[in-house]
Structure formats: C-alpha cells, structure tokens
Amino acid sequence: MQINVGYIDAGIIPKFSSCQSEGIAWFKACGLWKDRNYAAKSGDIIFFDWENDGHSDHVGIVEKVENGKVYTIEGNSSGDTCRQREYAVNSSVIVGYGTPMY
C-alpha cells in the first residue's frame, strides 16, 4: 500500500511527529518557513498553536484561501477524523506555514 506520492522520499516535505521541533524546524532549515502574516497558497503546510503557548501542536494542509479565510484539510480532528476546516487568515492560532517546493 502506498502511503504518499513520493514527496517525503524526495525531500519535498518532512515526515514528522512533533510539529515544533521537527516539522517547523525542517521548513526553517530549508528556508521554506513563512510566518503567520504570509499569504498562504494551496498546498502549503499550516501549523497551529491551540494553547497560544508559543509551541505548535497541530498541522494541516492548506486547501485554498478566499474571502479572508484559509481552508484546510486536517487529520486527528474532531474524533480522529480527516476533515475540512476554516479559519480567519489572521487567526491567533495560526503559527505559520511550511511552503514545499512541489
């Protein structure tokens, strides 16, 4: 069973379990990190901080941005499901974005 399209093996996106120390760190080390003020694009990796404690604890994929909202696809959401969610582009829970070079 294939679990990805080769982006992890090709080094386009990282495989990580810790958003802060692995995911964000990887994007920063590769020069692919944008802060929360960045105008997100489809395919970007969005990082969240639910507790507003300065450490990211959740991640999703940007589906689209329109009308002042960022629409995401997220796993482990509301009862271990994968679902679409939406946030104001200036939401305080958004930490920033990883911007893979697909």
N, C-alpha and C. Protein backbone atom coordinates (compact mmCIF):
# COMPACT_ATOMS: atom_id res chain seq x y z
N MET A 1 0.84 -1.18 0.00
CA MET A 1 0.00 0.00 0.00
C MET A 1 0.89 1.24 0.00
N GLN A 2 0.64 2.15 -0.93
CA GLN A 2 1.40 3.40 -0.97
C GLN A 2 0.75 4.40 -0.04
N ILE A 3 1.57 5.05 0.82
CA ILE A 3 1.01 6.00 1.77
C ILE A 3 1.33 7.45 1.44
N ASN A 4 2.09 7.69 0.39
CA ASN A 4 2.36 9.05 -0.05
C ASN A 4 2.69 9.04 -1.53
N VAL A 5 2.88 10.21 -2.09
CA VAL A 5 3.16 10.32 -3.52
C VAL A 5 4.65 10.51 -3.79
N GLY A 6 5.48 10.21 -2.81
CA GLY A 6 6.91 10.31 -3.00
C GLY A 6 7.52 11.60 -2.51
N TYR A 7 6.72 12.53 -2.01
CA TYR A 7 7.25 13.82 -1.54
C TYR A 7 8.17 13.67 -0.34
N ILE A 8 7.88 12.73 0.54
CA ILE A 8 8.75 12.53 1.71
C ILE A 8 10.09 11.96 1.26
N ASP A 9 10.06 10.90 0.45
CA ASP A 9 11.30 10.28 -0.03
C ASP A 9 12.13 11.25 -0.87
N ALA A 10 11.46 12.15 -1.58
CA ALA A 10 12.17 13.11 -2.43
C ALA A 10 12.67 14.32 -1.64
N GLY A 11 12.32 14.42 -0.36
CA GLY A 11 12.77 15.54 0.46
C GLY A 11 12.00 16.82 0.24
N ILE A 12 10.79 16.70 -0.33
CA ILE A 12 9.97 17.88 -0.59
C ILE A 12 9.22 18.31 0.66
N ILE A 13 8.77 17.34 1.43
CA ILE A 13 8.17 17.60 2.74
C ILE A 13 8.75 16.60 3.73
N PRO A 14 8.79 16.98 5.01
CA PRO A 14 9.36 16.06 6.00
C PRO A 14 8.30 15.12 6.56
N LYS A 15 8.75 13.98 7.05
CA LYS A 15 7.90 13.10 7.83
C LYS A 15 8.21 13.43 9.29
N PHE A 16 7.20 13.82 10.05
CA PHE A 16 7.45 14.25 11.42
C PHE A 16 6.27 13.94 12.32
N SER A 17 6.56 13.85 13.61
CA SER A 17 5.50 13.67 14.60
C SER A 17 5.41 14.88 15.51
N SER A 18 6.49 15.61 15.69
CA SER A 18 6.48 16.82 16.51
C SER A 18 6.42 18.04 15.59
N CYS A 19 5.33 18.78 15.68
CA CYS A 19 5.19 19.96 14.82
C CYS A 19 6.31 20.96 15.04
N GLN A 20 6.59 21.27 16.30
CA GLN A 20 7.55 22.32 16.62
C GLN A 20 9.00 21.92 16.34
N SER A 21 9.45 20.83 16.97
CA SER A 21 10.87 20.50 16.92
C SER A 21 11.28 19.76 15.65
N GLU A 22 10.34 19.22 14.91
CA GLU A 22 10.67 18.51 13.68
C GLU A 22 10.10 19.19 12.44
N GLY A 23 8.80 19.42 12.41
CA GLY A 23 8.16 19.99 11.23
C GLY A 23 8.59 21.41 10.94
N ILE A 24 8.35 22.31 11.90
CA ILE A 24 8.74 23.71 11.70
C ILE A 24 10.25 23.83 11.55
N ALA A 25 10.99 23.11 12.37
CA ALA A 25 12.46 23.16 12.31
C ALA A 25 12.96 22.78 10.91
N TRP A 26 12.37 21.76 10.30
CA TRP A 26 12.78 21.32 8.96
C TRP A 26 12.52 22.43 7.94
N PHE A 27 11.31 23.00 7.96
CA PHE A 27 10.99 24.05 6.99
C PHE A 27 11.91 25.27 7.18
N LYS A 28 12.20 25.62 8.43
CA LYS A 28 13.12 26.74 8.68
C LYS A 28 14.52 26.43 8.16
N ALA A 29 15.01 25.21 8.44
CA ALA A 29 16.36 24.83 7.99
C ALA A 29 16.48 24.84 6.47
N CYS A 30 15.38 24.57 5.79
CA CYS A 30 15.38 24.54 4.32
C CYS A 30 15.05 25.90 3.70
N GLY A 31 14.80 26.90 4.54
CA GLY A 31 14.43 28.22 4.03
C GLY A 31 13.04 28.27 3.44
N LEU A 32 12.17 27.38 3.91
CA LEU A 32 10.81 27.27 3.38
C LEU A 32 9.74 27.63 4.41
N TRP A 33 10.12 28.38 5.44
CA TRP A 33 9.20 28.76 6.51
C TRP A 33 8.70 30.19 6.30
N LYS A 34 7.40 30.40 6.49
CA LYS A 34 6.79 31.73 6.43
C LYS A 34 5.98 31.94 7.72
N ASP A 35 6.04 33.14 8.27
CA ASP A 35 5.30 33.39 9.50
C ASP A 35 3.81 33.55 9.22
N ARG A 36 3.05 33.80 10.25
CA ARG A 36 1.59 33.83 10.16
C ARG A 36 1.06 34.95 9.27
N ASN A 37 1.87 35.94 8.93
CA ASN A 37 1.44 37.07 8.10
C ASN A 37 1.55 36.78 6.60
N TYR A 38 2.10 35.64 6.26
CA TYR A 38 2.27 35.21 4.87
C TYR A 38 0.91 34.95 4.23
N ALA A 39 0.78 35.27 2.95
CA ALA A 39 -0.44 34.98 2.19
C ALA A 39 -0.37 33.53 1.71
N ALA A 40 -1.00 32.64 2.45
CA ALA A 40 -0.93 31.20 2.18
C ALA A 40 -1.47 30.84 0.80
N LYS A 41 -0.96 29.70 0.29
CA LYS A 41 -1.37 29.19 -1.01
C LYS A 41 -1.78 27.72 -0.87
N SER A 42 -2.55 27.24 -1.80
CA SER A 42 -2.94 25.83 -1.81
C SER A 42 -1.70 24.95 -1.78
N GLY A 43 -1.73 23.94 -0.92
CA GLY A 43 -0.61 23.01 -0.80
C GLY A 43 0.37 23.35 0.30
N ASP A 44 0.30 24.59 0.83
CA ASP A 44 1.17 24.94 1.96
C ASP A 44 0.80 24.10 3.17
N ILE A 45 1.76 23.91 4.06
CA ILE A 45 1.53 23.18 5.30
C ILE A 45 1.33 24.22 6.39
N ILE A 46 0.18 24.18 7.05
CA ILE A 46 -0.18 25.17 8.05
C ILE A 46 0.02 24.59 9.45
N PHE A 47 0.64 25.38 10.33
CA PHE A 47 0.93 24.94 11.69
C PHE A 47 0.12 25.80 12.68
N PHE A 48 -0.43 25.13 13.71
CA PHE A 48 -1.29 25.76 14.69
C PHE A 48 -0.72 25.66 16.10
N ASP A 49 -1.13 26.58 16.94
CA ASP A 49 -0.81 26.59 18.36
C ASP A 49 -2.12 26.78 19.12
N TRP A 50 -2.76 25.68 19.49
CA TRP A 50 -4.07 25.75 20.15
C TRP A 50 -4.01 26.43 21.51
N GLU A 51 -2.93 26.24 22.25
CA GLU A 51 -2.84 26.79 23.61
C GLU A 51 -2.26 28.21 23.64
N ASN A 52 -1.84 28.72 22.50
CA ASN A 52 -1.17 30.03 22.44
C ASN A 52 -0.01 30.11 23.42
N ASP A 53 0.79 29.02 23.46
CA ASP A 53 1.94 28.98 24.36
C ASP A 53 3.27 29.08 23.62
N GLY A 54 3.20 29.38 22.32
CA GLY A 54 4.41 29.55 21.54
C GLY A 54 4.95 28.28 20.91
N HIS A 55 4.23 27.16 21.07
CA HIS A 55 4.66 25.88 20.51
C HIS A 55 3.54 25.29 19.66
N SER A 56 3.87 24.97 18.43
CA SER A 56 2.90 24.38 17.53
C SER A 56 2.53 22.97 17.99
N ASP A 57 1.23 22.67 17.92
CA ASP A 57 0.77 21.35 18.36
C ASP A 57 -0.22 20.70 17.39
N HIS A 58 -0.36 21.27 16.19
CA HIS A 58 -1.25 20.67 15.20
C HIS A 58 -0.84 21.17 13.82
N VAL A 59 -1.15 20.40 12.80
CA VAL A 59 -0.75 20.73 11.44
C VAL A 59 -1.86 20.34 10.47
N GLY A 60 -1.91 21.02 9.34
CA GLY A 60 -2.87 20.69 8.29
C GLY A 60 -2.29 21.09 6.94
N ILE A 61 -3.08 20.89 5.90
CA ILE A 61 -2.70 21.27 4.54
C ILE A 61 -3.66 22.35 4.08
N VAL A 62 -3.14 23.43 3.52
CA VAL A 62 -3.99 24.49 3.00
C VAL A 62 -4.65 24.00 1.72
N GLU A 63 -5.97 24.03 1.72
CA GLU A 63 -6.73 23.67 0.52
C GLU A 63 -6.88 24.90 -0.38
N LYS A 64 -7.29 26.01 0.22
CA LYS A 64 -7.47 27.25 -0.55
C LYS A 64 -7.57 28.42 0.43
N VAL A 65 -7.43 29.61 -0.11
CA VAL A 65 -7.60 30.84 0.66
C VAL A 65 -8.51 31.74 -0.16
N GLU A 66 -9.61 32.16 0.46
CA GLU A 66 -10.51 33.08 -0.23
C GLU A 66 -11.39 33.82 0.77
N ASN A 67 -11.72 35.03 0.42
CA ASN A 67 -12.60 35.87 1.24
C ASN A 67 -12.14 35.98 2.69
N GLY A 68 -10.84 36.13 2.88
CA GLY A 68 -10.31 36.32 4.23
C GLY A 68 -10.26 35.07 5.08
N LYS A 69 -10.44 33.91 4.47
CA LYS A 69 -10.40 32.65 5.21
C LYS A 69 -9.41 31.69 4.57
N VAL A 70 -8.77 30.90 5.41
CA VAL A 70 -7.91 29.83 4.93
C VAL A 70 -8.64 28.51 5.22
N TYR A 71 -8.81 27.71 4.18
CA TYR A 71 -9.50 26.42 4.28
C TYR A 71 -8.44 25.33 4.31
N THR A 72 -8.58 24.42 5.24
CA THR A 72 -7.57 23.39 5.44
C THR A 72 -8.17 22.00 5.40
N ILE A 73 -7.29 21.03 5.21
CA ILE A 73 -7.61 19.62 5.39
C ILE A 73 -6.74 19.17 6.55
N GLU A 74 -7.36 18.60 7.58
CA GLU A 74 -6.64 18.21 8.78
C GLU A 74 -7.06 16.82 9.23
N GLY A 75 -6.09 16.06 9.69
CA GLY A 75 -6.36 14.77 10.32
C GLY A 75 -6.43 14.96 11.83
N ASN A 76 -6.76 13.89 12.55
CA ASN A 76 -6.88 13.93 14.01
C ASN A 76 -7.74 15.10 14.46
N SER A 77 -8.83 15.29 13.78
CA SER A 77 -9.70 16.43 14.03
C SER A 77 -11.09 15.95 14.42
N SER A 78 -11.58 16.40 15.54
CA SER A 78 -12.94 16.08 15.98
C SER A 78 -13.25 14.59 15.90
N GLY A 79 -12.68 13.82 16.80
CA GLY A 79 -12.96 12.39 16.84
C GLY A 79 -12.14 11.58 15.89
N ASP A 80 -10.86 11.92 15.74
CA ASP A 80 -9.95 11.17 14.87
C ASP A 80 -10.44 11.06 13.44
N THR A 81 -10.96 12.13 12.91
CA THR A 81 -11.41 12.15 11.53
C THR A 81 -10.53 13.08 10.71
N CYS A 82 -10.63 12.97 9.42
CA CYS A 82 -9.97 13.88 8.49
C CYS A 82 -11.08 14.75 7.93
N ARG A 83 -10.90 16.07 8.05
CA ARG A 83 -11.98 16.94 7.60
C ARG A 83 -11.49 18.30 7.17
N GLN A 84 -12.35 19.02 6.47
CA GLN A 84 -12.06 20.39 6.08
C GLN A 84 -12.44 21.31 7.24
N ARG A 85 -11.57 22.30 7.48
CA ARG A 85 -11.85 23.32 8.49
C ARG A 85 -11.54 24.67 7.88
N GLU A 86 -11.97 25.73 8.54
CA GLU A 86 -11.69 27.07 8.04
C GLU A 86 -11.36 28.00 9.20
N TYR A 87 -10.47 28.96 8.91
CA TYR A 87 -10.00 29.92 9.90
C TYR A 87 -9.88 31.28 9.23
N ALA A 88 -10.04 32.33 10.01
CA ALA A 88 -9.73 33.66 9.50
C ALA A 88 -8.23 33.69 9.21
N VAL A 89 -7.82 34.35 8.15
CA VAL A 89 -6.40 34.36 7.79
C VAL A 89 -5.53 34.96 8.88
N ASN A 90 -6.10 35.79 9.74
CA ASN A 90 -5.33 36.40 10.83
C ASN A 90 -5.61 35.74 12.18
N SER A 91 -6.11 34.51 12.17
CA SER A 91 -6.43 33.80 13.41
C SER A 91 -5.20 33.68 14.30
N SER A 92 -5.39 33.90 15.59
CA SER A 92 -4.27 33.83 16.53
C SER A 92 -3.73 32.42 16.72
N VAL A 93 -4.46 31.39 16.30
CA VAL A 93 -3.97 30.02 16.46
C VAL A 93 -3.03 29.60 15.33
N ILE A 94 -2.93 30.39 14.27
CA ILE A 94 -2.01 30.07 13.16
C ILE A 94 -0.61 30.54 13.53
N VAL A 95 0.34 29.61 13.54
CA VAL A 95 1.73 29.93 13.84
C VAL A 95 2.45 30.39 12.58
N GLY A 96 2.26 29.63 11.50
CA GLY A 96 2.92 29.95 10.23
C GLY A 96 2.75 28.82 9.25
N TYR A 97 3.58 28.84 8.19
CA TYR A 97 3.39 27.93 7.07
C TYR A 97 4.72 27.36 6.58
N GLY A 98 4.71 26.08 6.29
CA GLY A 98 5.77 25.46 5.53
C GLY A 98 5.37 25.56 4.07
N THR A 99 6.32 25.93 3.21
CA THR A 99 5.99 26.16 1.80
C THR A 99 6.81 25.22 0.91
N PRO A 100 6.35 23.98 0.78
CA PRO A 100 7.09 22.99 -0.02
C PRO A 100 7.25 23.45 -1.47
N MET A 101 8.35 23.01 -2.07
CA MET A 101 8.59 23.31 -3.48
C MET A 101 8.15 22.08 -4.30
N TYR A 102 6.83 21.96 -4.45
CA TYR A 102 6.26 20.82 -5.17
C TYR A 102 6.69 20.83 -6.62
